[in-house]
Amino acid sequence: MVPKGVCVVIFAVTVSAALGNVSNEDRLSRLEAQLGKVTAELEEIKTRCPCRGGDNSTGSDGGRIRDTRDSSPFVAFSATIQSDMTPIASNEVIIFDNVVTSVGGGYDPFIGRFQAPVAGYYHFVVSIMSYSSHFIEIELVRDGTLLCRARASQTYNAMGACASNIHLNVGSDVWVRHRSSSGDYIRGQMFPSFTGHLIKSD
């Protein structure tokens, strides 16, 4: 029995020393007969072999290997704030101006918004730092809809953070904004950060 996915053809022709006194014509006739037999066996093996057409795989899908690797594009970004921000207007967009990582496009450091280049599920994290006796509250939003909030209290250099897993359509916007008029000072120096990446595309 021929194992699936493996074609083994062994072709051996042995001329015995016992043919010592046999004429060349008889030797040729016997060799031709052996060759014909081996050729017939080879054809039979080909008809049973599951690897016809050069495909050495097996399976119910015609013997072709299915590529199960994730075909999602790679989208990821990370940005921080360099300089302190104060005062901060009600609902003002918090711009993370220092881009650390930007792969696949999407984040614009000039307007502080991430725009989804592909539809799918994304993961976002935002952190913020207050300063001295000040506090600050921020919100992570998608197309203006609240996803989560973070607060950094009046304690010296306190930090707050929030995260969200969310589905985005192509062109959906995600950004960070000041929560109403709650607080007025954000410590920069790359302490605050805004990051996101694509988990799985549609």
N, C-alpha and C. Protein backbone atom coordinates (compact mmCIF):
# COMPACT_ATOMS: atom_id res chain seq x y z
N MET A 1 0.85 -1.20 0.00
CA MET A 1 0.00 0.00 0.00
C MET A 1 0.88 1.24 0.00
N VAL A 2 0.55 2.20 -0.88
CA VAL A 2 1.35 3.43 -0.99
C VAL A 2 0.87 4.42 0.05
N PRO A 3 1.73 4.92 0.96
CA PRO A 3 1.30 5.91 1.97
C PRO A 3 0.81 7.17 1.29
N LYS A 4 -0.22 7.82 1.90
CA LYS A 4 -0.75 9.07 1.37
C LYS A 4 0.35 10.13 1.38
N GLY A 5 0.34 10.89 0.28
CA GLY A 5 1.26 12.02 0.22
C GLY A 5 2.69 11.66 -0.09
N VAL A 6 2.96 10.36 -0.30
CA VAL A 6 4.35 9.96 -0.56
C VAL A 6 4.36 9.05 -1.77
N CYS A 7 5.11 9.40 -2.75
CA CYS A 7 5.25 8.56 -3.93
C CYS A 7 6.66 7.99 -3.95
N VAL A 8 6.75 6.70 -3.90
CA VAL A 8 8.07 6.07 -3.92
C VAL A 8 8.10 5.09 -5.07
N VAL A 9 8.99 5.32 -5.94
CA VAL A 9 9.13 4.40 -7.07
C VAL A 9 10.53 3.83 -7.05
N ILE A 10 10.60 2.57 -6.93
CA ILE A 10 11.91 1.91 -6.90
C ILE A 10 12.08 1.12 -8.20
N PHE A 11 13.07 1.51 -8.93
CA PHE A 11 13.30 0.85 -10.22
C PHE A 11 14.66 0.16 -10.18
N ALA A 12 14.64 -1.17 -10.23
CA ALA A 12 15.90 -1.90 -10.15
C ALA A 12 15.93 -2.97 -11.21
N VAL A 13 16.96 -3.00 -11.94
CA VAL A 13 17.15 -4.04 -12.95
C VAL A 13 18.47 -4.75 -12.65
N THR A 14 18.39 -6.04 -12.39
CA THR A 14 19.59 -6.80 -12.05
C THR A 14 19.86 -7.83 -13.13
N VAL A 15 21.02 -7.77 -13.65
CA VAL A 15 21.42 -8.77 -14.66
C VAL A 15 22.25 -9.83 -13.96
N SER A 16 21.76 -11.03 -13.94
CA SER A 16 22.41 -12.11 -13.21
C SER A 16 23.60 -12.67 -13.99
N ALA A 17 24.58 -13.10 -13.21
CA ALA A 17 25.75 -13.72 -13.84
C ALA A 17 25.40 -15.04 -14.50
N ALA A 18 24.18 -15.54 -14.10
CA ALA A 18 23.75 -16.82 -14.67
C ALA A 18 23.46 -16.70 -16.15
N LEU A 19 23.40 -15.47 -16.67
CA LEU A 19 23.14 -15.28 -18.09
C LEU A 19 24.42 -15.47 -18.92
N GLY A 20 25.44 -16.02 -18.28
CA GLY A 20 26.75 -16.09 -18.90
C GLY A 20 26.76 -16.47 -20.37
N ASN A 21 26.10 -17.54 -20.74
CA ASN A 21 26.19 -18.02 -22.12
C ASN A 21 24.98 -17.64 -22.96
N VAL A 22 24.10 -16.78 -22.42
CA VAL A 22 22.90 -16.39 -23.17
C VAL A 22 23.31 -15.38 -24.22
N SER A 23 22.71 -15.47 -25.38
CA SER A 23 23.05 -14.56 -26.47
C SER A 23 22.59 -13.14 -26.16
N ASN A 24 23.20 -12.20 -26.85
CA ASN A 24 22.84 -10.80 -26.65
C ASN A 24 21.38 -10.54 -26.99
N GLU A 25 20.87 -11.23 -28.01
CA GLU A 25 19.47 -11.05 -28.39
C GLU A 25 18.54 -11.49 -27.26
N ASP A 26 18.87 -12.65 -26.63
CA ASP A 26 18.04 -13.14 -25.52
C ASP A 26 18.12 -12.20 -24.33
N ARG A 27 19.32 -11.69 -24.06
CA ARG A 27 19.47 -10.74 -22.94
C ARG A 27 18.62 -9.50 -23.18
N LEU A 28 18.68 -8.96 -24.40
CA LEU A 28 17.91 -7.77 -24.73
C LEU A 28 16.42 -8.04 -24.61
N SER A 29 16.01 -9.21 -25.04
CA SER A 29 14.58 -9.57 -24.97
C SER A 29 14.12 -9.64 -23.52
N ARG A 30 14.93 -10.24 -22.66
CA ARG A 30 14.56 -10.35 -21.25
C ARG A 30 14.53 -8.97 -20.56
N LEU A 31 15.53 -8.15 -20.91
CA LEU A 31 15.56 -6.80 -20.32
C LEU A 31 14.35 -5.98 -20.76
N GLU A 32 13.96 -6.10 -22.02
CA GLU A 32 12.79 -5.39 -22.50
C GLU A 32 11.52 -5.85 -21.78
N ALA A 33 11.45 -7.15 -21.51
CA ALA A 33 10.29 -7.70 -20.79
C ALA A 33 10.25 -7.15 -19.37
N GLN A 34 11.43 -7.10 -18.71
CA GLN A 34 11.48 -6.55 -17.36
C GLN A 34 11.12 -5.07 -17.35
N LEU A 35 11.61 -4.33 -18.35
CA LEU A 35 11.29 -2.91 -18.45
C LEU A 35 9.80 -2.69 -18.65
N GLY A 36 9.19 -3.52 -19.48
CA GLY A 36 7.74 -3.41 -19.69
C GLY A 36 6.96 -3.67 -18.42
N LYS A 37 7.41 -4.64 -17.63
CA LYS A 37 6.73 -4.96 -16.37
C LYS A 37 6.85 -3.81 -15.37
N VAL A 38 8.07 -3.25 -15.26
CA VAL A 38 8.29 -2.13 -14.33
C VAL A 38 7.49 -0.91 -14.76
N THR A 39 7.43 -0.66 -16.07
CA THR A 39 6.66 0.48 -16.58
C THR A 39 5.18 0.33 -16.25
N ALA A 40 4.65 -0.88 -16.38
CA ALA A 40 3.24 -1.12 -16.05
C ALA A 40 2.98 -0.90 -14.57
N GLU A 41 3.92 -1.35 -13.71
CA GLU A 41 3.77 -1.15 -12.27
C GLU A 41 3.83 0.34 -11.92
N LEU A 42 4.71 1.07 -12.60
CA LEU A 42 4.82 2.51 -12.36
C LEU A 42 3.52 3.22 -12.71
N GLU A 43 2.92 2.87 -13.84
CA GLU A 43 1.65 3.48 -14.22
C GLU A 43 0.55 3.19 -13.21
N GLU A 44 0.56 1.97 -12.68
CA GLU A 44 -0.44 1.60 -11.67
C GLU A 44 -0.25 2.42 -10.40
N ILE A 45 1.00 2.63 -9.99
CA ILE A 45 1.30 3.44 -8.80
C ILE A 45 0.84 4.87 -9.01
N LYS A 46 1.05 5.40 -10.20
CA LYS A 46 0.64 6.77 -10.49
C LYS A 46 -0.87 6.96 -10.36
N THR A 47 -1.62 5.96 -10.77
CA THR A 47 -3.08 6.09 -10.68
C THR A 47 -3.58 6.05 -9.24
N ARG A 48 -2.82 5.41 -8.35
CA ARG A 48 -3.24 5.32 -6.95
C ARG A 48 -2.64 6.41 -6.09
N CYS A 49 -1.60 7.07 -6.58
CA CYS A 49 -0.87 8.04 -5.76
C CYS A 49 -1.69 9.30 -5.53
N PRO A 50 -1.85 9.76 -4.24
CA PRO A 50 -2.63 10.96 -3.94
C PRO A 50 -1.91 12.26 -4.27
N CYS A 51 -0.67 12.15 -4.79
CA CYS A 51 0.09 13.37 -5.02
C CYS A 51 0.19 13.70 -6.50
N ARG A 52 -0.83 13.34 -7.28
CA ARG A 52 -0.82 13.67 -8.70
C ARG A 52 -0.79 15.18 -8.89
N GLY A 53 -0.16 15.64 -9.94
CA GLY A 53 -0.11 17.06 -10.23
C GLY A 53 0.89 17.82 -9.38
N GLY A 54 1.76 17.09 -8.68
CA GLY A 54 2.78 17.76 -7.88
C GLY A 54 2.29 18.24 -6.54
N ASP A 55 1.08 17.89 -6.12
CA ASP A 55 0.54 18.34 -4.84
C ASP A 55 0.75 17.25 -3.81
N ASN A 56 1.62 17.45 -2.86
CA ASN A 56 1.96 16.44 -1.86
C ASN A 56 1.15 16.53 -0.60
N SER A 57 0.11 17.36 -0.59
CA SER A 57 -0.70 17.51 0.61
C SER A 57 -1.92 16.61 0.53
N THR A 58 -2.61 16.51 1.67
CA THR A 58 -3.82 15.71 1.74
C THR A 58 -4.93 16.51 2.37
N GLY A 59 -6.12 15.96 2.31
CA GLY A 59 -7.24 16.65 2.94
C GLY A 59 -8.47 16.59 2.07
N SER A 60 -9.61 16.94 2.65
CA SER A 60 -10.88 16.86 1.97
C SER A 60 -11.05 17.97 0.94
N ASP A 61 -10.17 18.95 0.91
CA ASP A 61 -10.31 20.07 -0.02
C ASP A 61 -9.47 19.84 -1.28
N GLY A 62 -9.38 18.57 -1.71
CA GLY A 62 -8.66 18.29 -2.94
C GLY A 62 -7.17 18.12 -2.72
N GLY A 63 -6.76 17.97 -1.47
CA GLY A 63 -5.36 17.73 -1.18
C GLY A 63 -4.52 18.97 -1.15
N ARG A 64 -5.11 20.15 -1.06
CA ARG A 64 -4.33 21.38 -1.03
C ARG A 64 -4.20 21.88 0.40
N ILE A 65 -3.04 22.41 0.72
CA ILE A 65 -2.79 22.96 2.04
C ILE A 65 -3.47 24.30 2.16
N ARG A 66 -4.27 24.48 3.19
CA ARG A 66 -4.93 25.76 3.42
C ARG A 66 -4.06 26.63 4.32
N ASP A 67 -3.88 27.87 3.93
CA ASP A 67 -3.09 28.82 4.71
C ASP A 67 -3.94 29.35 5.84
N THR A 68 -3.61 28.95 7.07
CA THR A 68 -4.42 29.35 8.23
C THR A 68 -3.84 30.55 8.95
N ARG A 69 -2.80 31.16 8.39
CA ARG A 69 -2.21 32.32 9.05
C ARG A 69 -3.16 33.50 9.02
N ASP A 70 -3.10 34.31 10.05
CA ASP A 70 -3.94 35.50 10.13
C ASP A 70 -3.54 36.46 9.01
N SER A 71 -4.53 36.85 8.20
CA SER A 71 -4.25 37.73 7.07
C SER A 71 -4.49 39.19 7.41
N SER A 72 -4.73 39.50 8.70
CA SER A 72 -4.98 40.89 9.09
C SER A 72 -3.75 41.76 8.81
N PRO A 73 -3.96 42.97 8.31
CA PRO A 73 -2.82 43.88 8.15
C PRO A 73 -2.30 44.31 9.52
N PHE A 74 -1.09 44.82 9.56
CA PHE A 74 -0.49 45.26 10.82
C PHE A 74 -0.71 46.75 10.96
N VAL A 75 -1.48 47.14 11.98
CA VAL A 75 -1.75 48.55 12.26
C VAL A 75 -1.46 48.79 13.74
N ALA A 76 -0.57 49.72 14.03
CA ALA A 76 -0.23 50.03 15.42
C ALA A 76 0.37 51.43 15.51
N PHE A 77 0.08 52.11 16.62
CA PHE A 77 0.68 53.42 16.83
C PHE A 77 0.88 53.66 18.32
N SER A 78 1.78 54.57 18.61
CA SER A 78 2.03 54.98 19.99
C SER A 78 2.55 56.41 19.95
N ALA A 79 1.98 57.28 20.82
CA ALA A 79 2.39 58.68 20.84
C ALA A 79 2.35 59.20 22.27
N THR A 80 3.18 60.19 22.54
CA THR A 80 3.25 60.79 23.87
C THR A 80 3.11 62.32 23.75
N ILE A 81 3.05 62.99 24.90
CA ILE A 81 2.98 64.45 24.94
C ILE A 81 4.31 64.99 25.44
N GLN A 82 4.91 65.90 24.70
CA GLN A 82 6.22 66.41 25.06
C GLN A 82 6.15 67.56 26.08
N SER A 83 5.26 68.53 25.84
CA SER A 83 5.22 69.74 26.68
C SER A 83 3.98 69.76 27.56
N ASP A 84 4.09 70.42 28.71
CA ASP A 84 2.93 70.59 29.60
C ASP A 84 1.82 71.33 28.86
N MET A 85 0.58 71.01 29.20
CA MET A 85 -0.57 71.66 28.59
C MET A 85 -1.40 72.37 29.66
N THR A 86 -1.55 73.67 29.56
CA THR A 86 -2.40 74.46 30.44
C THR A 86 -2.51 75.88 29.88
N PRO A 87 -3.68 76.50 29.96
CA PRO A 87 -4.95 75.91 30.37
C PRO A 87 -5.51 75.02 29.28
N ILE A 88 -6.57 74.27 29.59
CA ILE A 88 -7.17 73.35 28.64
C ILE A 88 -8.66 73.65 28.55
N ALA A 89 -9.15 73.90 27.37
CA ALA A 89 -10.56 74.26 27.18
C ALA A 89 -11.47 73.06 27.39
N SER A 90 -12.73 73.34 27.66
CA SER A 90 -13.73 72.28 27.82
C SER A 90 -13.84 71.46 26.54
N ASN A 91 -13.72 70.13 26.67
CA ASN A 91 -13.82 69.18 25.55
C ASN A 91 -12.71 69.35 24.51
N GLU A 92 -11.65 70.02 24.86
CA GLU A 92 -10.53 70.19 23.92
C GLU A 92 -9.88 68.85 23.60
N VAL A 93 -9.52 68.68 22.32
CA VAL A 93 -8.80 67.47 21.91
C VAL A 93 -7.40 67.50 22.49
N ILE A 94 -7.01 66.41 23.14
CA ILE A 94 -5.66 66.31 23.69
C ILE A 94 -4.76 65.73 22.60
N ILE A 95 -3.80 66.51 22.18
CA ILE A 95 -2.94 66.09 21.08
C ILE A 95 -1.65 65.46 21.62
N PHE A 96 -1.46 64.20 21.29
CA PHE A 96 -0.23 63.48 21.64
C PHE A 96 0.71 63.67 20.44
N ASP A 97 1.60 64.62 20.57
CA ASP A 97 2.34 65.12 19.42
C ASP A 97 3.63 64.37 19.09
N ASN A 98 4.13 63.59 20.02
CA ASN A 98 5.39 62.88 19.80
C ASN A 98 5.12 61.42 19.41
N VAL A 99 5.23 61.13 18.12
CA VAL A 99 4.93 59.78 17.63
C VAL A 99 6.12 58.87 17.86
N VAL A 100 5.88 57.80 18.59
CA VAL A 100 6.93 56.81 18.87
C VAL A 100 6.88 55.68 17.84
N THR A 101 5.66 55.23 17.54
CA THR A 101 5.45 54.14 16.59
C THR A 101 4.27 54.48 15.70
N SER A 102 4.41 54.22 14.42
CA SER A 102 3.30 54.41 13.49
C SER A 102 3.46 53.41 12.35
N VAL A 103 2.64 52.36 12.38
CA VAL A 103 2.69 51.31 11.37
C VAL A 103 1.30 51.13 10.78
N GLY A 104 1.20 51.15 9.49
CA GLY A 104 -0.08 50.92 8.84
C GLY A 104 -0.92 52.17 8.68
N GLY A 105 -0.41 53.30 9.16
CA GLY A 105 -1.15 54.56 9.02
C GLY A 105 -2.29 54.67 10.02
N GLY A 106 -2.89 55.85 10.08
CA GLY A 106 -4.07 56.02 10.93
C GLY A 106 -3.96 57.17 11.90
N TYR A 107 -2.84 57.27 12.62
CA TYR A 107 -2.73 58.32 13.64
C TYR A 107 -2.12 59.59 13.05
N ASP A 108 -2.79 60.72 13.31
CA ASP A 108 -2.34 62.02 12.83
C ASP A 108 -1.92 62.87 14.03
N PRO A 109 -0.63 63.11 14.24
CA PRO A 109 -0.16 63.86 15.41
C PRO A 109 -0.48 65.36 15.35
N PHE A 110 -0.93 65.83 14.21
CA PHE A 110 -1.26 67.26 14.09
C PHE A 110 -2.67 67.56 14.62
N ILE A 111 -3.56 66.58 14.51
CA ILE A 111 -4.92 66.78 15.04
C ILE A 111 -5.22 65.84 16.21
N GLY A 112 -4.29 64.92 16.50
CA GLY A 112 -4.45 64.04 17.65
C GLY A 112 -5.50 62.96 17.49
N ARG A 113 -5.79 62.57 16.26
CA ARG A 113 -6.83 61.57 16.02
C ARG A 113 -6.28 60.36 15.28
N PHE A 114 -6.88 59.20 15.64
CA PHE A 114 -6.60 57.97 14.91
C PHE A 114 -7.80 57.69 14.03
N GLN A 115 -7.55 57.47 12.75
CA GLN A 115 -8.61 57.13 11.81
C GLN A 115 -8.34 55.73 11.28
N ALA A 116 -9.30 54.83 11.48
CA ALA A 116 -9.09 53.42 11.14
C ALA A 116 -8.86 53.22 9.64
N PRO A 117 -7.71 52.66 9.24
CA PRO A 117 -7.47 52.38 7.83
C PRO A 117 -8.18 51.13 7.34
N VAL A 118 -8.51 50.22 8.27
CA VAL A 118 -9.25 49.00 7.92
C VAL A 118 -10.29 48.75 9.00
N ALA A 119 -11.36 48.07 8.64
CA ALA A 119 -12.39 47.72 9.62
C ALA A 119 -11.95 46.53 10.46
N GLY A 120 -12.31 46.54 11.74
CA GLY A 120 -11.96 45.43 12.61
C GLY A 120 -11.99 45.83 14.07
N TYR A 121 -11.48 44.95 14.92
CA TYR A 121 -11.43 45.21 16.36
C TYR A 121 -10.06 45.76 16.75
N TYR A 122 -10.09 46.83 17.52
CA TYR A 122 -8.87 47.52 17.92
C TYR A 122 -8.79 47.59 19.45
N HIS A 123 -7.56 47.74 19.93
CA HIS A 123 -7.31 47.92 21.36
C HIS A 123 -6.61 49.27 21.56
N PHE A 124 -7.15 50.09 22.47
CA PHE A 124 -6.58 51.41 22.76
C PHE A 124 -6.31 51.57 24.24
N VAL A 125 -5.24 52.27 24.55
CA VAL A 125 -4.90 52.60 25.94
C VAL A 125 -4.46 54.06 25.97
N VAL A 126 -4.96 54.82 26.94
CA VAL A 126 -4.52 56.20 27.12
C VAL A 126 -4.16 56.41 28.58
N SER A 127 -3.04 57.10 28.82
CA SER A 127 -2.65 57.44 30.18
C SER A 127 -2.39 58.94 30.24
N ILE A 128 -2.58 59.50 31.42
CA ILE A 128 -2.45 60.95 31.59
C ILE A 128 -1.82 61.25 32.94
N MET A 129 -1.13 62.38 33.05
CA MET A 129 -0.51 62.77 34.32
C MET A 129 -0.89 64.20 34.68
N SER A 130 -1.24 64.40 35.95
CA SER A 130 -1.54 65.75 36.45
C SER A 130 -0.24 66.39 36.95
N TYR A 131 -0.37 67.62 37.48
CA TYR A 131 0.84 68.30 37.94
C TYR A 131 0.59 69.00 39.25
N SER A 132 1.44 68.73 40.21
CA SER A 132 1.42 69.40 41.51
C SER A 132 0.04 69.36 42.13
N SER A 133 -0.55 70.48 42.44
CA SER A 133 -1.86 70.53 43.11
C SER A 133 -3.03 70.52 42.12
N HIS A 134 -2.75 70.35 40.83
CA HIS A 134 -3.80 70.31 39.82
C HIS A 134 -4.33 68.90 39.61
N PHE A 135 -5.46 68.78 38.93
CA PHE A 135 -5.96 67.47 38.53
C PHE A 135 -6.43 67.58 37.08
N ILE A 136 -6.69 66.42 36.47
CA ILE A 136 -7.16 66.41 35.09
C ILE A 136 -8.01 65.16 34.85
N GLU A 137 -9.08 65.33 34.09
CA GLU A 137 -9.91 64.21 33.67
C GLU A 137 -10.02 64.22 32.15
N ILE A 138 -9.86 63.05 31.55
CA ILE A 138 -9.92 62.93 30.10
C ILE A 138 -10.89 61.82 29.71
N GLU A 139 -11.24 61.79 28.41
CA GLU A 139 -12.12 60.76 27.88
C GLU A 139 -11.56 60.23 26.56
N LEU A 140 -11.66 58.93 26.39
CA LEU A 140 -11.35 58.30 25.11
C LEU A 140 -12.67 58.14 24.37
N VAL A 141 -12.74 58.64 23.14
CA VAL A 141 -14.01 58.62 22.41
C VAL A 141 -13.83 58.04 21.01
N ARG A 142 -14.90 57.46 20.50
CA ARG A 142 -14.95 56.99 19.11
C ARG A 142 -16.06 57.75 18.41
N ASP A 143 -15.70 58.49 17.38
CA ASP A 143 -16.67 59.32 16.65
C ASP A 143 -17.53 60.14 17.60
N GLY A 144 -16.91 60.61 18.69
CA GLY A 144 -17.60 61.44 19.66
C GLY A 144 -18.33 60.68 20.75
N THR A 145 -18.39 59.35 20.67
CA THR A 145 -19.06 58.52 21.66
C THR A 145 -18.07 58.06 22.72
N LEU A 146 -18.41 58.24 23.98
CA LEU A 146 -17.52 57.91 25.08
C LEU A 146 -17.20 56.41 25.13
N LEU A 147 -15.90 56.12 25.27
CA LEU A 147 -15.45 54.74 25.46
C LEU A 147 -15.00 54.49 26.89
N CYS A 148 -14.21 55.41 27.45
CA CYS A 148 -13.76 55.28 28.83
C CYS A 148 -13.21 56.61 29.31
N ARG A 149 -13.02 56.72 30.64
CA ARG A 149 -12.50 57.95 31.24
C ARG A 149 -11.30 57.64 32.11
N ALA A 150 -10.46 58.67 32.30
CA ALA A 150 -9.31 58.55 33.18
C ALA A 150 -9.17 59.84 33.98
N ARG A 151 -8.67 59.69 35.21
CA ARG A 151 -8.49 60.85 36.08
C ARG A 151 -7.13 60.77 36.76
N ALA A 152 -6.43 61.89 36.73
CA ALA A 152 -5.19 62.04 37.50
C ALA A 152 -5.47 63.08 38.58
N SER A 153 -5.34 62.71 39.83
CA SER A 153 -5.77 63.55 40.95
C SER A 153 -4.77 64.66 41.27
N GLN A 154 -5.09 65.41 42.34
CA GLN A 154 -4.24 66.53 42.74
C GLN A 154 -2.93 66.08 43.39
N THR A 155 -2.83 64.80 43.72
CA THR A 155 -1.58 64.31 44.30
C THR A 155 -0.44 64.59 43.32
N TYR A 156 0.72 64.91 43.84
CA TYR A 156 1.85 65.31 42.99
C TYR A 156 2.14 64.27 41.91
N ASN A 157 2.08 64.71 40.66
CA ASN A 157 2.37 63.86 39.50
C ASN A 157 1.58 62.55 39.51
N ALA A 158 0.31 62.63 39.80
CA ALA A 158 -0.54 61.44 39.77
C ALA A 158 -0.85 61.06 38.32
N MET A 159 -1.11 59.78 38.12
CA MET A 159 -1.44 59.31 36.78
C MET A 159 -2.76 58.57 36.76
N GLY A 160 -3.44 58.65 35.64
CA GLY A 160 -4.66 57.90 35.43
C GLY A 160 -4.62 57.27 34.05
N ALA A 161 -5.40 56.21 33.84
CA ALA A 161 -5.38 55.51 32.55
C ALA A 161 -6.71 54.81 32.32
N CYS A 162 -7.03 54.58 31.05
CA CYS A 162 -8.18 53.74 30.70
C CYS A 162 -7.88 53.04 29.39
N ALA A 163 -8.61 51.96 29.12
CA ALA A 163 -8.38 51.16 27.92
C ALA A 163 -9.71 50.69 27.36
N SER A 164 -9.71 50.39 26.07
CA SER A 164 -10.95 49.94 25.44
C SER A 164 -10.65 49.05 24.24
N ASN A 165 -11.45 47.98 24.10
CA ASN A 165 -11.46 47.16 22.89
C ASN A 165 -12.73 47.52 22.14
N ILE A 166 -12.61 47.90 20.89
CA ILE A 166 -13.77 48.43 20.18
C ILE A 166 -13.69 48.09 18.69
N HIS A 167 -14.87 47.88 18.09
CA HIS A 167 -14.91 47.67 16.64
C HIS A 167 -14.98 49.02 15.93
N LEU A 168 -14.17 49.15 14.88
CA LEU A 168 -14.16 50.37 14.08
C LEU A 168 -14.44 50.04 12.62
N ASN A 169 -15.21 50.89 11.98
CA ASN A 169 -15.37 50.83 10.54
C ASN A 169 -14.25 51.63 9.89
N VAL A 170 -14.03 51.42 8.60
CA VAL A 170 -13.03 52.21 7.89
C VAL A 170 -13.40 53.69 8.01
N GLY A 171 -12.44 54.49 8.47
CA GLY A 171 -12.68 55.92 8.61
C GLY A 171 -13.18 56.35 9.96
N SER A 172 -13.51 55.40 10.86
CA SER A 172 -13.93 55.78 12.21
C SER A 172 -12.79 56.48 12.93
N ASP A 173 -13.12 57.51 13.71
CA ASP A 173 -12.11 58.29 14.44
C ASP A 173 -12.10 57.95 15.92
N VAL A 174 -10.91 57.87 16.50
CA VAL A 174 -10.73 57.68 17.94
C VAL A 174 -9.76 58.76 18.41
N TRP A 175 -10.12 59.45 19.49
CA TRP A 175 -9.24 60.49 20.02
C TRP A 175 -9.46 60.66 21.52
N VAL A 176 -8.64 61.49 22.13
CA VAL A 176 -8.72 61.78 23.56
C VAL A 176 -9.12 63.24 23.72
N ARG A 177 -10.05 63.51 24.63
CA ARG A 177 -10.48 64.88 24.85
C ARG A 177 -10.53 65.19 26.35
N HIS A 178 -10.45 66.45 26.66
CA HIS A 178 -10.63 66.93 28.02
C HIS A 178 -12.09 66.70 28.42
N ARG A 179 -12.30 66.18 29.60
CA ARG A 179 -13.68 65.96 30.05
C ARG A 179 -14.27 67.27 30.55
N SER A 180 -15.11 67.87 29.75
CA SER A 180 -15.78 69.12 30.11
C SER A 180 -14.74 70.12 30.61
N SER A 181 -14.91 70.59 31.84
CA SER A 181 -13.93 71.54 32.41
C SER A 181 -13.27 70.96 33.65
N SER A 182 -13.18 69.62 33.69
CA SER A 182 -12.61 68.95 34.87
C SER A 182 -11.10 68.94 34.83
N GLY A 183 -10.50 69.89 35.53
CA GLY A 183 -9.05 69.99 35.57
C GLY A 183 -8.52 70.96 34.52
N ASP A 184 -7.25 71.35 34.70
CA ASP A 184 -6.71 72.37 33.80
C ASP A 184 -5.22 72.22 33.49
N TYR A 185 -4.61 71.09 33.90
CA TYR A 185 -3.17 71.00 33.70
C TYR A 185 -2.77 69.55 33.41
N ILE A 186 -2.06 69.33 32.30
CA ILE A 186 -1.52 68.02 31.95
C ILE A 186 0.00 68.11 31.94
N ARG A 187 0.63 67.24 32.68
CA ARG A 187 2.09 67.17 32.70
C ARG A 187 2.57 66.46 31.44
N GLY A 188 3.51 67.07 30.73
CA GLY A 188 4.05 66.47 29.51
C GLY A 188 5.25 65.60 29.78
N GLN A 189 6.37 65.91 29.13
CA GLN A 189 7.64 65.20 29.31
C GLN A 189 7.51 63.70 29.01
N MET A 190 6.60 63.38 28.08
CA MET A 190 6.38 62.01 27.60
C MET A 190 5.80 61.07 28.66
N PHE A 191 5.25 61.64 29.74
CA PHE A 191 4.54 60.79 30.72
C PHE A 191 3.19 60.32 30.17
N PRO A 192 2.35 61.20 29.60
CA PRO A 192 1.09 60.74 29.03
C PRO A 192 1.36 59.96 27.74
N SER A 193 0.50 59.01 27.44
CA SER A 193 0.66 58.25 26.20
C SER A 193 -0.70 57.82 25.65
N PHE A 194 -0.73 57.65 24.36
CA PHE A 194 -1.92 57.20 23.64
C PHE A 194 -1.46 56.14 22.65
N THR A 195 -1.95 54.91 22.82
CA THR A 195 -1.52 53.81 21.96
C THR A 195 -2.73 53.03 21.46
N GLY A 196 -2.54 52.36 20.34
CA GLY A 196 -3.60 51.52 19.80
C GLY A 196 -3.05 50.57 18.76
N HIS A 197 -3.74 49.46 18.58
CA HIS A 197 -3.36 48.52 17.53
C HIS A 197 -4.55 47.69 17.09
N LEU A 198 -4.48 47.19 15.88
CA LEU A 198 -5.51 46.33 15.33
C LEU A 198 -5.37 44.93 15.90
N ILE A 199 -6.47 44.42 16.48
CA ILE A 199 -6.47 43.05 16.99
C ILE A 199 -6.78 42.07 15.87
N LYS A 200 -7.86 42.34 15.14
CA LYS A 200 -8.31 41.45 14.04
C LYS A 200 -9.16 42.23 13.07
N SER A 201 -8.81 42.17 11.79
CA SER A 201 -9.60 42.86 10.79
C SER A 201 -10.83 42.02 10.44
N ASP A 202 -11.82 42.68 9.86
CA ASP A 202 -13.05 41.98 9.45
C ASP A 202 -12.77 41.04 8.29
